Amino acid sequence: MNLFISSPLHVHAQPRGFSLFIVVILVLMAFLHFRGWLFLRRSSPSHSSVWRLVAFLSGLLAIGVAVASPLGLLDHQLLTAHMVKHLLLMVVAAPLTLFGAAGQPLLSVLPNWFARGSSLFTTKPRSLPGGLFRNYIFCWLAGTTTVVVWHIPIFFQLGLSSHAWHTIEAVSFMCAGLLFWKPIITPPPNEAKTPQWSLVLYLFLATVPCDILSAFLVFCDRVVYPYYSSTNQTFSLSALQDQEWAGALMWVTITFAYVIPAVVITTDILSSHGVQFDNVAPSVARRTVAAELRGSEMEVT
C-alpha cells in the first residue's frame, strides 16, 4: 500500500455542540486554575507569578482558538488552516500551559487522587509514567513521531474521515506538545538550575524531521493530500499553493520556536561559565601575587 496515495473523503462540519462543550471545559479549567492561583498567592506569593497565570490562560485561549473556533471549520478547506491548528496546539498552547502550571495551582484545588496521578505537570517522578515524562528521548520521540505520523497521507485522511478521529488527532498533538516541551519548561529539580548542552541538541534535532516534512510540502510538484483538491478553495489559492503555504508556515514557525529557546539556553550556559570564571580568577590572581611576593622575599634574604 502506498501511504502517499489516498482518495478524497467528505467530512461534515464540526458540530456546534462539540465546540460549546470544549469552551465550557476550558472556561472551567481557567476558573479552577485562577482559584488555585489565588490560594497559592496567599500562602506563597513568591511562587505564584502573575506571568504564570497569564501564560496558562493564554494557553487555554490558544486551545480554544485551535479546536473551538471557526478555524476548526476552515481546516477542512485549507491545509494552511489545518497547519495553523496543529502549530497552535504544539508550539503555543503546550509550552504556555506547562509554564503556567509549573506552580501546580490547578492541582491544588482538584481531588488528591487526581493530583497524585498527574505526573505530567509535576517535577518529581513518583511512578514509571513520571519517569518517562522527564526522559529526554521519550519526550523527543513523542513530539516528533506525532508530527510525522499524522502527516502521512493515509493517517492525515483518517483524521479528516470522522469527528472522532479528528478529535483524537487534536488531543494527540496537544499531549505530544506537552511531552516535548516538558524537559525545557519544567526540568527535574536537580537540573532546573543547571542548563545542559543536551537541551540544545534536543531542540536542534527536533527541527530536522519537521524541516524535511516542510521542505517536502513546499517543493513537491503535486498535491500530497487529495482531499483539498476536492474542497472549495478560499482566498484564491489553488490546492498546490495552499500546500506550499502550509509547508512554509511550518518551516518558519518550527525553526523559530525551537531555535530561540536553544539560543537562550546556550546564552545561559555561557553566562554561567563566565560567572564561574569571574569567581575563580580573583583567587588565582591572589595566589599568583602571593607566590611572587614569597619569591621576592627569598631572593632578598
C-alpha atoms as a PDB file:
ATOM      1  CA  MET A   1       0.000   0.000   0.000  1.00  0.00           C
ATOM      2  CA  ASN A   2       1.312   3.395  -0.945  1.00  0.00           C
ATOM      3  CA  LEU A   3       0.987   5.706   2.044  1.00  0.00           C
ATOM      4  CA  PHE A   4       1.096   8.737  -0.209  1.00  0.00           C
ATOM      5  CA  ILE A   5      -1.987   7.865  -2.237  1.00  0.00           C
ATOM      6  CA  SER A   6      -5.428   8.398  -0.778  1.00  0.00           C
ATOM      7  CA  SER A   7      -8.853   9.275  -2.007  1.00  0.00           C
ATOM      8  CA  PRO A   8     -10.850  12.347  -1.042  1.00  0.00           C
ATOM      9  CA  LEU A   9     -13.253  11.919   1.826  1.00  0.00           C
ATOM     10  CA  HIS A  10     -16.226  14.042   2.618  1.00  0.00           C
ATOM     11  CA  VAL A  11     -16.337  15.354   6.146  1.00  0.00           C
ATOM     12  CA  HIS A  12     -19.126  17.300   7.778  1.00  0.00           C
ATOM     13  CA  ALA A  13     -18.627  20.485   9.708  1.00  0.00           C
ATOM     14  CA  GLN A  14     -17.703  20.166  13.350  1.00  0.00           C
ATOM     15  CA  PRO A  15     -20.870  20.027  15.477  1.00  0.00           C
ATOM     16  CA  ARG A  16     -21.646  23.260  17.287  1.00  0.00           C
ATOM     17  CA  GLY A  17     -22.437  21.284  20.452  1.00  0.00           C
ATOM     18  CA  PHE A  18     -18.902  19.856  20.484  1.00  0.00           C
ATOM     19  CA  SER A  19     -17.345  23.325  20.198  1.00  0.00           C
ATOM     20  CA  LEU A  20     -19.571  24.552  23.036  1.00  0.00           C
ATOM     21  CA  PHE A  21     -18.516  21.574  25.166  1.00  0.00           C
ATOM     22  CA  ILE A  22     -14.823  22.402  24.598  1.00  0.00           C
ATOM     23  CA  VAL A  23     -15.425  26.045  25.524  1.00  0.00           C
ATOM     24  CA  VAL A  24     -17.178  25.016  28.752  1.00  0.00           C
ATOM     25  CA  ILE A  25     -14.283  22.711  29.684  1.00  0.00           C
ATOM     26  CA  LEU A  26     -11.708  25.425  29.002  1.00  0.00           C
ATOM     27  CA  VAL A  27     -13.637  28.032  30.993  1.00  0.00           C
ATOM     28  CA  LEU A  28     -13.947  25.588  33.901  1.00  0.00           C
ATOM     29  CA  MET A  29     -10.194  24.896  33.806  1.00  0.00           C
ATOM     30  CA  ALA A  30      -9.482  28.633  33.722  1.00  0.00           C
ATOM     31  CA  PHE A  31     -11.739  29.203  36.749  1.00  0.00           C
ATOM     32  CA  LEU A  32     -10.193  26.357  38.756  1.00  0.00           C
ATOM     33  CA  HIS A  33      -6.671  27.434  37.852  1.00  0.00           C
ATOM     34  CA  PHE A  34      -7.373  31.033  38.855  1.00  0.00           C
ATOM     35  CA  ARG A  35      -8.878  29.856  42.141  1.00  0.00           C
ATOM     36  CA  GLY A  36      -5.837  27.692  42.847  1.00  0.00           C
ATOM     37  CA  TRP A  37      -3.527  30.560  41.884  1.00  0.00           C
ATOM     38  CA  LEU A  38      -5.248  32.855  44.395  1.00  0.00           C
ATOM     39  CA  PHE A  39      -4.897  30.180  47.081  1.00  0.00           C
ATOM     40  CA  LEU A  40      -1.181  29.768  46.415  1.00  0.00           C
ATOM     41  CA  ARG A  41      -0.759  33.517  46.125  1.00  0.00           C
ATOM     42  CA  ARG A  42      -1.959  33.988  49.692  1.00  0.00           C
ATOM     43  CA  SER A  43       0.272  31.246  51.096  1.00  0.00           C
ATOM     44  CA  SER A  44       3.394  31.842  48.998  1.00  0.00           C
ATOM     45  CA  PRO A  45       3.369  34.991  46.835  1.00  0.00           C
ATOM     46  CA  SER A  46       6.894  34.360  45.525  1.00  0.00           C
ATOM     47  CA  HIS A  47       5.786  31.082  43.911  1.00  0.00           C
ATOM     48  CA  SER A  48       2.635  32.487  42.266  1.00  0.00           C
ATOM     49  CA  SER A  49       3.815  34.733  39.479  1.00  0.00           C
ATOM     50  CA  VAL A  50       1.257  36.780  37.564  1.00  0.00           C
ATOM     51  CA  TRP A  51       3.111  35.882  34.391  1.00  0.00           C
ATOM     52  CA  ARG A  52       2.476  32.184  35.014  1.00  0.00           C
ATOM     53  CA  LEU A  53      -1.234  32.878  35.398  1.00  0.00           C
ATOM     54  CA  VAL A  54      -1.259  34.872  32.159  1.00  0.00           C
ATOM     55  CA  ALA A  55       0.675  32.110  30.389  1.00  0.00           C
ATOM     56  CA  PHE A  56      -1.753  29.382  31.477  1.00  0.00           C
ATOM     57  CA  LEU A  57      -4.823  31.394  30.476  1.00  0.00           C
ATOM     58  CA  SER A  58      -3.176  32.260  27.154  1.00  0.00           C
ATOM     59  CA  GLY A  59      -2.505  28.571  26.589  1.00  0.00           C
ATOM     60  CA  LEU A  60      -6.169  27.754  27.190  1.00  0.00           C
ATOM     61  CA  LEU A  61      -7.127  30.539  24.786  1.00  0.00           C
ATOM     62  CA  ALA A  62      -4.834  29.048  22.139  1.00  0.00           C
ATOM     63  CA  ILE A  63      -6.518  25.664  22.602  1.00  0.00           C
ATOM     64  CA  GLY A  64      -9.913  27.291  22.213  1.00  0.00           C
ATOM     65  CA  VAL A  65      -8.874  29.056  19.021  1.00  0.00           C
ATOM     66  CA  ALA A  66      -7.436  25.824  17.623  1.00  0.00           C
ATOM     67  CA  VAL A  67     -10.343  23.464  18.300  1.00  0.00           C
ATOM     68  CA  ALA A  68     -13.446  25.524  19.140  1.00  0.00           C
ATOM     69  CA  SER A  69     -13.300  28.481  16.767  1.00  0.00           C
ATOM     70  CA  PRO A  70     -14.059  28.945  13.036  1.00  0.00           C
ATOM     71  CA  LEU A  71     -10.522  27.670  12.479  1.00  0.00           C
ATOM     72  CA  GLY A  72     -11.910  24.224  13.310  1.00  0.00           C
ATOM     73  CA  LEU A  73     -14.142  24.503  10.243  1.00  0.00           C
ATOM     74  CA  LEU A  74     -11.626  26.216   7.998  1.00  0.00           C
ATOM     75  CA  ASP A  75      -9.071  23.438   8.434  1.00  0.00           C
ATOM     76  CA  HIS A  76     -11.310  21.236   6.286  1.00  0.00           C
ATOM     77  CA  GLN A  77     -10.983  23.735   3.442  1.00  0.00           C
ATOM     78  CA  LEU A  78      -7.357  24.867   3.715  1.00  0.00           C
ATOM     79  CA  LEU A  79      -4.274  22.850   4.578  1.00  0.00           C
ATOM     80  CA  THR A  80      -2.716  26.091   5.821  1.00  0.00           C
ATOM     81  CA  ALA A  81      -5.505  26.468   8.389  1.00  0.00           C
ATOM     82  CA  HIS A  82      -5.001  22.822   9.366  1.00  0.00           C
ATOM     83  CA  MET A  83      -1.299  23.552   9.899  1.00  0.00           C
ATOM     84  CA  VAL A  84      -2.090  26.659  11.968  1.00  0.00           C
ATOM     85  CA  LYS A  85      -4.276  24.500  14.195  1.00  0.00           C
ATOM     86  CA  HIS A  86      -1.510  21.971  14.815  1.00  0.00           C
ATOM     87  CA  LEU A  87       1.084  24.675  15.454  1.00  0.00           C
ATOM     88  CA  LEU A  88      -1.216  26.435  17.918  1.00  0.00           C
ATOM     89  CA  LEU A  89      -1.585  23.226  19.903  1.00  0.00           C
ATOM     90  CA  MET A  90       2.056  22.085  19.885  1.00  0.00           C
ATOM     91  CA  VAL A  91       4.080  25.298  19.719  1.00  0.00           C
ATOM     92  CA  VAL A  92       1.836  27.810  21.519  1.00  0.00           C
ATOM     93  CA  ALA A  93      -0.702  26.133  23.801  1.00  0.00           C
ATOM     94  CA  ALA A  94       1.515  23.325  25.107  1.00  0.00           C
ATOM     95  CA  PRO A  95       4.505  25.400  26.347  1.00  0.00           C
ATOM     96  CA  LEU A  96       2.272  28.166  27.713  1.00  0.00           C
ATOM     97  CA  THR A  97       0.108  25.798  29.756  1.00  0.00           C
ATOM     98  CA  LEU A  98       3.181  23.959  31.032  1.00  0.00           C
ATOM     99  CA  PHE A  99       4.837  27.209  32.084  1.00  0.00           C
ATOM    100  CA  GLY A 100       1.653  28.399  33.789  1.00  0.00           C
ATOM    101  CA  ALA A 101       1.041  25.073  35.527  1.00  0.00           C
ATOM    102  CA  ALA A 102       4.576  24.837  36.941  1.00  0.00           C
ATOM    103  CA  GLY A 103       3.365  26.049  40.338  1.00  0.00           C
ATOM    104  CA  GLN A 104       0.513  23.490  40.227  1.00  0.00           C
ATOM    105  CA  PRO A 105      -2.313  25.920  41.131  1.00  0.00           C
ATOM    106  CA  LEU A 106      -4.821  23.805  39.204  1.00  0.00           C
ATOM    107  CA  LEU A 107      -3.837  20.641  41.072  1.00  0.00           C
ATOM    108  CA  SER A 108      -4.185  22.411  44.421  1.00  0.00           C
ATOM    109  CA  VAL A 109      -7.966  22.660  44.010  1.00  0.00           C
ATOM    110  CA  LEU A 110      -8.539  19.216  42.490  1.00  0.00           C
ATOM    111  CA  PRO A 111      -9.094  15.951  44.384  1.00  0.00           C
ATOM    112  CA  ASN A 112      -5.991  14.291  45.831  1.00  0.00           C
ATOM    113  CA  TRP A 113      -6.418  11.177  43.688  1.00  0.00           C
ATOM    114  CA  PHE A 114      -6.272  13.333  40.539  1.00  0.00           C
ATOM    115  CA  ALA A 115      -3.264  15.296  41.742  1.00  0.00           C
ATOM    116  CA  ARG A 116      -1.392  12.084  42.553  1.00  0.00           C
ATOM    117  CA  GLY A 117      -1.983  10.783  39.026  1.00  0.00           C
ATOM    118  CA  SER A 118      -0.984  13.972  37.231  1.00  0.00           C
ATOM    119  CA  SER A 119       2.690  13.149  36.694  1.00  0.00           C
ATOM    120  CA  LEU A 120       2.898  15.262  33.544  1.00  0.00           C
ATOM    121  CA  PHE A 121       2.662  18.542  35.462  1.00  0.00           C
ATOM    122  CA  THR A 122       4.943  17.560  38.331  1.00  0.00           C
ATOM    123  CA  THR A 123       8.732  17.664  38.581  1.00  0.00           C
ATOM    124  CA  LYS A 124       9.134  14.744  40.986  1.00  0.00           C
ATOM    125  CA  PRO A 125       8.526  11.372  39.286  1.00  0.00           C
ATOM    126  CA  ARG A 126       6.507   9.273  41.731  1.00  0.00           C
ATOM    127  CA  SER A 127       5.982   6.373  39.321  1.00  0.00           C
ATOM    128  CA  LEU A 128       7.050   4.918  35.993  1.00  0.00           C
ATOM    129  CA  PRO A 129       4.947   7.407  33.946  1.00  0.00           C
ATOM    130  CA  GLY A 130       6.554  10.262  35.872  1.00  0.00           C
ATOM    131  CA  GLY A 131       9.979   8.899  34.992  1.00  0.00           C
ATOM    132  CA  LEU A 132       9.046   8.584  31.323  1.00  0.00           C
ATOM    133  CA  PHE A 133       7.654  12.112  31.243  1.00  0.00           C
ATOM    134  CA  ARG A 134      11.058  13.514  32.212  1.00  0.00           C
ATOM    135  CA  ASN A 135      13.041  11.242  29.897  1.00  0.00           C
ATOM    136  CA  TYR A 136      14.504  13.317  27.054  1.00  0.00           C
ATOM    137  CA  ILE A 137      14.425  10.514  24.483  1.00  0.00           C
ATOM    138  CA  PHE A 138      10.820   9.558  25.224  1.00  0.00           C
ATOM    139  CA  CYS A 139       9.637  13.185  25.106  1.00  0.00           C
ATOM    140  CA  TRP A 140      11.557  13.868  21.898  1.00  0.00           C
ATOM    141  CA  LEU A 141      10.157  10.776  20.198  1.00  0.00           C
ATOM    142  CA  ALA A 142       6.616  11.589  21.345  1.00  0.00           C
ATOM    143  CA  GLY A 143       6.770  15.075  19.836  1.00  0.00           C
ATOM    144  CA  THR A 144       8.472  14.302  16.536  1.00  0.00           C
ATOM    145  CA  THR A 145       6.734  10.979  15.877  1.00  0.00           C
ATOM    146  CA  THR A 146       3.295  12.534  16.342  1.00  0.00           C
ATOM    147  CA  VAL A 147       4.068  15.262  13.804  1.00  0.00           C
ATOM    148  CA  VAL A 148       5.470  12.866  11.211  1.00  0.00           C
ATOM    149  CA  VAL A 149       2.857  10.111  11.557  1.00  0.00           C
ATOM    150  CA  TRP A 150      -0.193  12.374  11.365  1.00  0.00           C
ATOM    151  CA  HIS A 151       1.181  13.986   8.188  1.00  0.00           C
ATOM    152  CA  ILE A 152       1.478  10.668   6.359  1.00  0.00           C
ATOM    153  CA  PRO A 153      -1.481  10.976   3.924  1.00  0.00           C
ATOM    154  CA  ILE A 154      -3.221   7.762   4.956  1.00  0.00           C
ATOM    155  CA  PHE A 155      -3.320   8.911   8.594  1.00  0.00           C
ATOM    156  CA  PHE A 156      -4.000  12.511   7.599  1.00  0.00           C
ATOM    157  CA  GLN A 157      -7.078  11.370   5.678  1.00  0.00           C
ATOM    158  CA  LEU A 158      -8.084   9.267   8.676  1.00  0.00           C
ATOM    159  CA  GLY A 159      -8.124  12.412  10.777  1.00  0.00           C
ATOM    160  CA  LEU A 160     -10.500  14.009   8.278  1.00  0.00           C
ATOM    161  CA  SER A 161     -12.742  10.979   7.966  1.00  0.00           C
ATOM    162  CA  SER A 162     -14.730  11.401  11.189  1.00  0.00           C
ATOM    163  CA  HIS A 163     -15.199  13.710  14.148  1.00  0.00           C
ATOM    164  CA  ALA A 164     -13.854  11.039  16.495  1.00  0.00           C
ATOM    165  CA  TRP A 165     -10.549  10.673  14.644  1.00  0.00           C
ATOM    166  CA  HIS A 166     -10.324  14.422  14.204  1.00  0.00           C
ATOM    167  CA  THR A 167     -10.622  14.822  17.980  1.00  0.00           C
ATOM    168  CA  ILE A 168      -8.069  12.067  18.618  1.00  0.00           C
ATOM    169  CA  GLU A 169      -5.682  13.838  16.259  1.00  0.00           C
ATOM    170  CA  ALA A 170      -6.044  17.173  18.087  1.00  0.00           C
ATOM    171  CA  VAL A 171      -5.645  15.541  21.509  1.00  0.00           C
ATOM    172  CA  SER A 172      -2.534  13.673  20.377  1.00  0.00           C
ATOM    173  CA  PHE A 173      -0.945  16.899  19.108  1.00  0.00           C
ATOM    174  CA  MET A 174      -1.636  18.628  22.429  1.00  0.00           C
ATOM    175  CA  CYS A 175      -0.316  15.717  24.501  1.00  0.00           C
ATOM    176  CA  ALA A 176       2.751  15.386  22.279  1.00  0.00           C
ATOM    177  CA  GLY A 177       3.391  19.113  22.666  1.00  0.00           C
ATOM    178  CA  LEU A 178       3.183  18.853  26.470  1.00  0.00           C
ATOM    179  CA  LEU A 179       5.609  15.940  26.481  1.00  0.00           C
ATOM    180  CA  PHE A 180       8.012  17.606  24.066  1.00  0.00           C
ATOM    181  CA  TRP A 181       8.224  20.878  25.985  1.00  0.00           C
ATOM    182  CA  LYS A 182       8.307  19.368  29.485  1.00  0.00           C
ATOM    183  CA  PRO A 183      12.127  18.912  29.645  1.00  0.00           C
ATOM    184  CA  ILE A 184      12.519  22.540  28.531  1.00  0.00           C
ATOM    185  CA  ILE A 185       9.812  24.227  30.634  1.00  0.00           C
ATOM    186  CA  THR A 186       9.752  22.080  33.801  1.00  0.00           C
ATOM    187  CA  PRO A 187      13.043  20.181  34.138  1.00  0.00           C
ATOM    188  CA  PRO A 188      13.664  17.936  37.155  1.00  0.00           C
ATOM    189  CA  PRO A 189      14.686  19.797  40.354  1.00  0.00           C
ATOM    190  CA  ASN A 190      18.321  18.669  40.195  1.00  0.00           C
ATOM    191  CA  GLU A 191      18.606  20.024  36.628  1.00  0.00           C
ATOM    192  CA  ALA A 192      16.473  23.154  36.923  1.00  0.00           C
ATOM    193  CA  LYS A 193      19.445  25.406  37.756  1.00  0.00           C
ATOM    194  CA  THR A 194      21.967  23.647  35.560  1.00  0.00           C
ATOM    195  CA  PRO A 195      21.362  24.273  31.832  1.00  0.00           C
ATOM    196  CA  GLN A 196      22.700  21.416  29.740  1.00  0.00           C
ATOM    197  CA  TRP A 197      24.025  21.260  26.220  1.00  0.00           C
ATOM    198  CA  SER A 198      21.809  18.212  25.734  1.00  0.00           C
ATOM    199  CA  LEU A 199      18.762  20.502  25.676  1.00  0.00           C
ATOM    200  CA  VAL A 200      20.301  22.488  22.826  1.00  0.00           C
ATOM    201  CA  LEU A 201      20.887  19.249  20.910  1.00  0.00           C
ATOM    202  CA  TYR A 202      17.357  18.126  21.854  1.00  0.00           C
ATOM    203  CA  LEU A 203      15.845  21.215  20.214  1.00  0.00           C
ATOM    204  CA  PHE A 204      18.164  21.193  17.213  1.00  0.00           C
ATOM    205  CA  LEU A 205      17.453  17.548  16.364  1.00  0.00           C
ATOM    206  CA  ALA A 206      13.710  18.195  16.681  1.00  0.00           C
ATOM    207  CA  THR A 207      13.878  20.652  13.793  1.00  0.00           C
ATOM    208  CA  VAL A 208      15.286  18.036  11.399  1.00  0.00           C
ATOM    209  CA  PRO A 209      12.174  15.866  10.771  1.00  0.00           C
ATOM    210  CA  CYS A 210       9.959  18.965  10.728  1.00  0.00           C
ATOM    211  CA  ASP A 211      12.241  20.666   8.210  1.00  0.00           C
ATOM    212  CA  ILE A 212      12.223  17.584   5.991  1.00  0.00           C
ATOM    213  CA  LEU A 213       8.425  17.402   6.087  1.00  0.00           C
ATOM    214  CA  SER A 214       8.093  21.142   5.477  1.00  0.00           C
ATOM    215  CA  ALA A 215      10.507  21.062   2.545  1.00  0.00           C
ATOM    216  CA  PHE A 216       8.611  18.146   1.021  1.00  0.00           C
ATOM    217  CA  LEU A 217       5.327  20.070   1.195  1.00  0.00           C
ATOM    218  CA  VAL A 218       6.888  23.244  -0.209  1.00  0.00           C
ATOM    219  CA  PHE A 219       8.813  21.737  -3.119  1.00  0.00           C
ATOM    220  CA  CYS A 220       6.569  18.814  -4.063  1.00  0.00           C
ATOM    221  CA  ASP A 221       5.087  19.385  -7.536  1.00  0.00           C
ATOM    222  CA  ARG A 222       1.815  17.577  -6.779  1.00  0.00           C
ATOM    223  CA  VAL A 223      -0.906  17.760  -4.170  1.00  0.00           C
ATOM    224  CA  VAL A 224       0.042  15.407  -1.338  1.00  0.00           C
ATOM    225  CA  TYR A 225      -3.410  15.388   0.275  1.00  0.00           C
ATOM    226  CA  PRO A 226      -6.040  14.907  -2.482  1.00  0.00           C
ATOM    227  CA  TYR A 227      -8.831  15.813  -0.075  1.00  0.00           C
ATOM    228  CA  TYR A 228      -8.001  19.511  -0.502  1.00  0.00           C
ATOM    229  CA  SER A 229      -8.244  19.201  -4.280  1.00  0.00           C
ATOM    230  CA  SER A 230     -11.956  18.440  -3.917  1.00  0.00           C
ATOM    231  CA  THR A 231     -12.816  21.262  -1.498  1.00  0.00           C
ATOM    232  CA  ASN A 232     -13.818  24.799  -2.380  1.00  0.00           C
ATOM    233  CA  GLN A 233     -10.608  26.779  -2.147  1.00  0.00           C
ATOM    234  CA  THR A 234     -10.836  30.147  -0.451  1.00  0.00           C
ATOM    235  CA  PHE A 235      -8.560  33.192  -0.643  1.00  0.00           C
ATOM    236  CA  SER A 236      -7.956  32.406  -4.352  1.00  0.00           C
ATOM    237  CA  LEU A 237      -5.420  29.695  -3.527  1.00  0.00           C
ATOM    238  CA  SER A 238      -5.082  26.507  -5.518  1.00  0.00           C
ATOM    239  CA  ALA A 239      -4.583  23.249  -3.637  1.00  0.00           C
ATOM    240  CA  LEU A 240      -0.888  23.219  -4.572  1.00  0.00           C
ATOM    241  CA  GLN A 241      -0.388  26.845  -3.468  1.00  0.00           C
ATOM    242  CA  ASP A 242      -2.189  26.091  -0.228  1.00  0.00           C
ATOM    243  CA  GLN A 243       0.162  23.175   0.337  1.00  0.00           C
ATOM    244  CA  GLU A 244       3.209  25.387  -0.282  1.00  0.00           C
ATOM    245  CA  TRP A 245       1.924  27.999   2.179  1.00  0.00           C
ATOM    246  CA  ALA A 246       1.293  25.315   4.803  1.00  0.00           C
ATOM    247  CA  GLY A 247       4.791  23.876   4.393  1.00  0.00           C
ATOM    248  CA  ALA A 248       6.432  27.301   4.539  1.00  0.00           C
ATOM    249  CA  LEU A 249       4.426  28.219   7.641  1.00  0.00           C
ATOM    250  CA  MET A 250       5.511  25.056   9.413  1.00  0.00           C
ATOM    251  CA  TRP A 251       9.121  25.520   8.333  1.00  0.00           C
ATOM    252  CA  VAL A 252       9.423  29.089   9.615  1.00  0.00           C
ATOM    253  CA  THR A 253       7.379  28.609  12.797  1.00  0.00           C
ATOM    254  CA  ILE A 254       9.124  25.435  13.956  1.00  0.00           C
ATOM    255  CA  THR A 255      12.556  26.883  13.199  1.00  0.00           C
ATOM    256  CA  PHE A 256      11.968  30.000  15.308  1.00  0.00           C
ATOM    257  CA  ALA A 257      10.071  28.137  18.046  1.00  0.00           C
ATOM    258  CA  TYR A 258      12.943  25.687  18.568  1.00  0.00           C
ATOM    259  CA  VAL A 259      15.960  27.865  17.766  1.00  0.00           C
ATOM    260  CA  ILE A 260      15.033  30.754  20.077  1.00  0.00           C
ATOM    261  CA  PRO A 261      14.906  28.571  23.241  1.00  0.00           C
ATOM    262  CA  ALA A 262      18.135  26.888  22.118  1.00  0.00           C
ATOM    263  CA  VAL A 263      19.829  30.307  21.856  1.00  0.00           C
ATOM    264  CA  VAL A 264      18.502  31.303  25.294  1.00  0.00           C
ATOM    265  CA  ILE A 265      19.787  28.077  26.864  1.00  0.00           C
ATOM    266  CA  THR A 266      23.158  28.494  25.143  1.00  0.00           C
ATOM    267  CA  THR A 267      23.451  32.070  26.416  1.00  0.00           C
ATOM    268  CA  ASP A 268      22.565  30.898  29.919  1.00  0.00           C
ATOM    269  CA  ILE A 269      25.240  28.197  29.794  1.00  0.00           C
ATOM    270  CA  LEU A 270      27.910  30.602  28.557  1.00  0.00           C
ATOM    271  CA  SER A 271      26.962  33.263  31.108  1.00  0.00           C
ATOM    272  CA  SER A 272      27.047  30.746  33.965  1.00  0.00           C
ATOM    273  CA  HIS A 273      30.504  29.629  32.862  1.00  0.00           C
ATOM    274  CA  GLY A 274      31.529  33.263  32.751  1.00  0.00           C
ATOM    275  CA  VAL A 275      30.364  33.808  36.320  1.00  0.00           C
ATOM    276  CA  GLN A 276      32.303  30.773  37.479  1.00  0.00           C
ATOM    277  CA  PHE A 277      35.418  32.083  35.742  1.00  0.00           C
ATOM    278  CA  ASP A 278      34.987  35.517  37.343  1.00  0.00           C
ATOM    279  CA  ASN A 279      34.775  33.899  40.763  1.00  0.00           C
ATOM    280  CA  VAL A 280      37.858  31.768  40.195  1.00  0.00           C
ATOM    281  CA  ALA A 281      40.026  34.404  38.511  1.00  0.00           C
ATOM    282  CA  PRO A 282      40.495  36.691  41.586  1.00  0.00           C
ATOM    283  CA  SER A 283      41.564  33.786  43.805  1.00  0.00           C
ATOM    284  CA  VAL A 284      44.039  32.604  41.161  1.00  0.00           C
ATOM    285  CA  ALA A 285      45.399  36.129  40.866  1.00  0.00           C
ATOM    286  CA  ARG A 286      45.784  36.411  44.661  1.00  0.00           C
ATOM    287  CA  ARG A 287      47.678  33.107  44.827  1.00  0.00           C
ATOM    288  CA  THR A 288      49.942  34.217  41.974  1.00  0.00           C
ATOM    289  CA  VAL A 289      50.748  37.535  43.659  1.00  0.00           C
ATOM    290  CA  ALA A 290      51.399  35.797  46.982  1.00  0.00           C
ATOM    291  CA  ALA A 291      53.780  33.358  45.285  1.00  0.00           C
ATOM    292  CA  GLU A 292      55.669  36.206  43.635  1.00  0.00           C
ATOM    293  CA  LEU A 293      55.985  38.046  46.956  1.00  0.00           C
ATOM    294  CA  ARG A 294      57.338  34.926  48.665  1.00  0.00           C
ATOM    295  CA  GLY A 295      59.824  34.514  45.839  1.00  0.00           C
ATOM    296  CA  SER A 296      60.969  38.129  46.217  1.00  0.00           C
ATOM    297  CA  GLU A 297      61.424  37.699  49.973  1.00  0.00           C
ATOM    298  CA  MET A 298      63.566  34.618  49.447  1.00  0.00           C
ATOM    299  CA  GLU A 299      65.790  36.487  46.970  1.00  0.00           C
ATOM    300  CA  VAL A 300      66.277  39.370  49.446  1.00  0.00           C
ATOM    301  CA  THR A 301      67.281  37.024  52.229  1.00  0.00           C
END
